[in-house]
């Protein structure tokens, strides 16, 4: 089984994960998720202003990375907020 995920999507997934973990550890899992997903939205808004190519899949990969990190934080800390 090969790795078919495009490099760009890997970066979005990893970015969402890392941002959520960092903010989640300091502010709580929910706030980490909120910041991670918000970064994905902000990035696509900036792209739509002519600084890149906005793609729904880019946002979704960022959100999925944030979601995985959120679940991990919940499992490790036992708290939602």
Protein backbone atom coordinates (compact mmCIF):
# COMPACT_ATOMS: atom_id res chain seq x y z
CA UNK A 1 0.00 0.00 0.00
CA UNK A 2 1.58 3.28 -1.11
CA UNK A 3 1.39 6.76 0.31
CA UNK A 4 -0.90 8.67 -2.05
CA UNK A 5 -1.48 11.81 0.02
CA UNK A 6 -0.16 14.90 -1.78
CA UNK A 7 2.64 16.77 0.02
CA UNK A 8 0.48 19.89 0.35
CA UNK A 9 -2.26 17.97 2.14
CA UNK A 10 0.28 16.38 4.51
CA UNK A 11 1.45 19.86 5.49
CA UNK A 12 -2.12 20.98 6.22
CA UNK A 13 -2.78 17.87 8.30
CA UNK A 14 0.43 18.27 10.30
CA UNK A 15 -0.05 22.02 10.77
CA UNK A 16 -3.57 21.57 12.13
CA UNK A 17 -2.33 18.85 14.47
CA UNK A 18 0.63 20.84 15.80
CA UNK A 19 -1.27 24.11 16.31
CA UNK A 20 -4.05 22.30 18.16
CA UNK A 21 -1.61 20.41 20.39
CA UNK A 22 0.32 23.57 21.29
CA UNK A 23 -2.72 25.69 22.07
CA UNK A 24 -4.55 22.75 23.61
CA UNK A 25 -1.81 22.06 26.12
CA UNK A 26 -1.78 25.67 27.30
CA UNK A 27 -5.43 26.71 26.92
CA UNK A 28 -7.42 23.46 26.89
CA UNK A 29 -8.40 20.97 24.21
CA UNK A 30 -11.45 22.88 22.97
CA UNK A 31 -9.50 26.12 22.55
CA UNK A 32 -6.73 24.26 20.76
CA UNK A 33 -9.28 22.82 18.33
CA UNK A 34 -10.84 26.25 17.82
CA UNK A 35 -7.48 27.86 17.05
CA UNK A 36 -6.39 25.02 14.74
CA UNK A 37 -9.60 25.12 12.69
CA UNK A 38 -9.58 28.94 12.66
CA UNK A 39 -6.06 28.93 11.23
CA UNK A 40 -7.28 26.69 8.41
CA UNK A 41 -10.17 29.06 7.66
CA UNK A 42 -7.90 32.11 7.83
CA UNK A 43 -5.36 30.52 5.46
CA UNK A 44 -8.00 29.82 2.84
CA UNK A 45 -9.42 33.35 3.16
CA UNK A 46 -5.93 34.76 2.58
CA UNK A 47 -5.49 32.42 -0.40
CA UNK A 48 -8.79 33.66 -1.86
CA UNK A 49 -7.47 37.25 -1.73
CA UNK A 50 -4.89 36.40 -4.36
CA UNK A 51 -2.06 35.07 -2.20
CA UNK A 52 -2.58 31.46 -3.18
CA UNK A 53 -5.14 28.98 -4.43
CA UNK A 54 -8.04 28.45 -2.03
CA UNK A 55 -9.09 24.82 -1.75
CA UNK A 56 -11.78 23.26 0.40
CA UNK A 57 -9.65 20.13 0.76
CA UNK A 58 -6.80 22.18 2.24
CA UNK A 59 -9.15 23.43 4.94
CA UNK A 60 -10.55 19.94 5.52
CA UNK A 61 -7.09 18.43 5.97
CA UNK A 62 -6.20 21.16 8.46
CA UNK A 63 -9.46 20.52 10.32
CA UNK A 64 -8.88 16.75 10.36
CA UNK A 65 -5.38 17.27 11.78
CA UNK A 66 -6.90 19.50 14.45
CA UNK A 67 -9.56 16.90 15.15
CA UNK A 68 -7.00 14.14 15.67
CA UNK A 69 -5.03 16.37 18.03
CA UNK A 70 -8.21 17.28 19.91
CA UNK A 71 -9.06 13.62 20.44
CA UNK A 72 -5.52 12.91 21.60
CA UNK A 73 -5.66 15.81 24.06
CA UNK A 74 -8.99 14.56 25.41
CA UNK A 75 -7.55 11.09 25.90
CA UNK A 76 -4.38 12.36 27.56
CA UNK A 77 -5.87 15.09 29.75
CA UNK A 78 -9.36 13.76 30.32
CA UNK A 79 -10.91 17.18 29.76
CA UNK A 80 -12.81 18.90 26.99
CA UNK A 81 -12.05 22.50 27.88
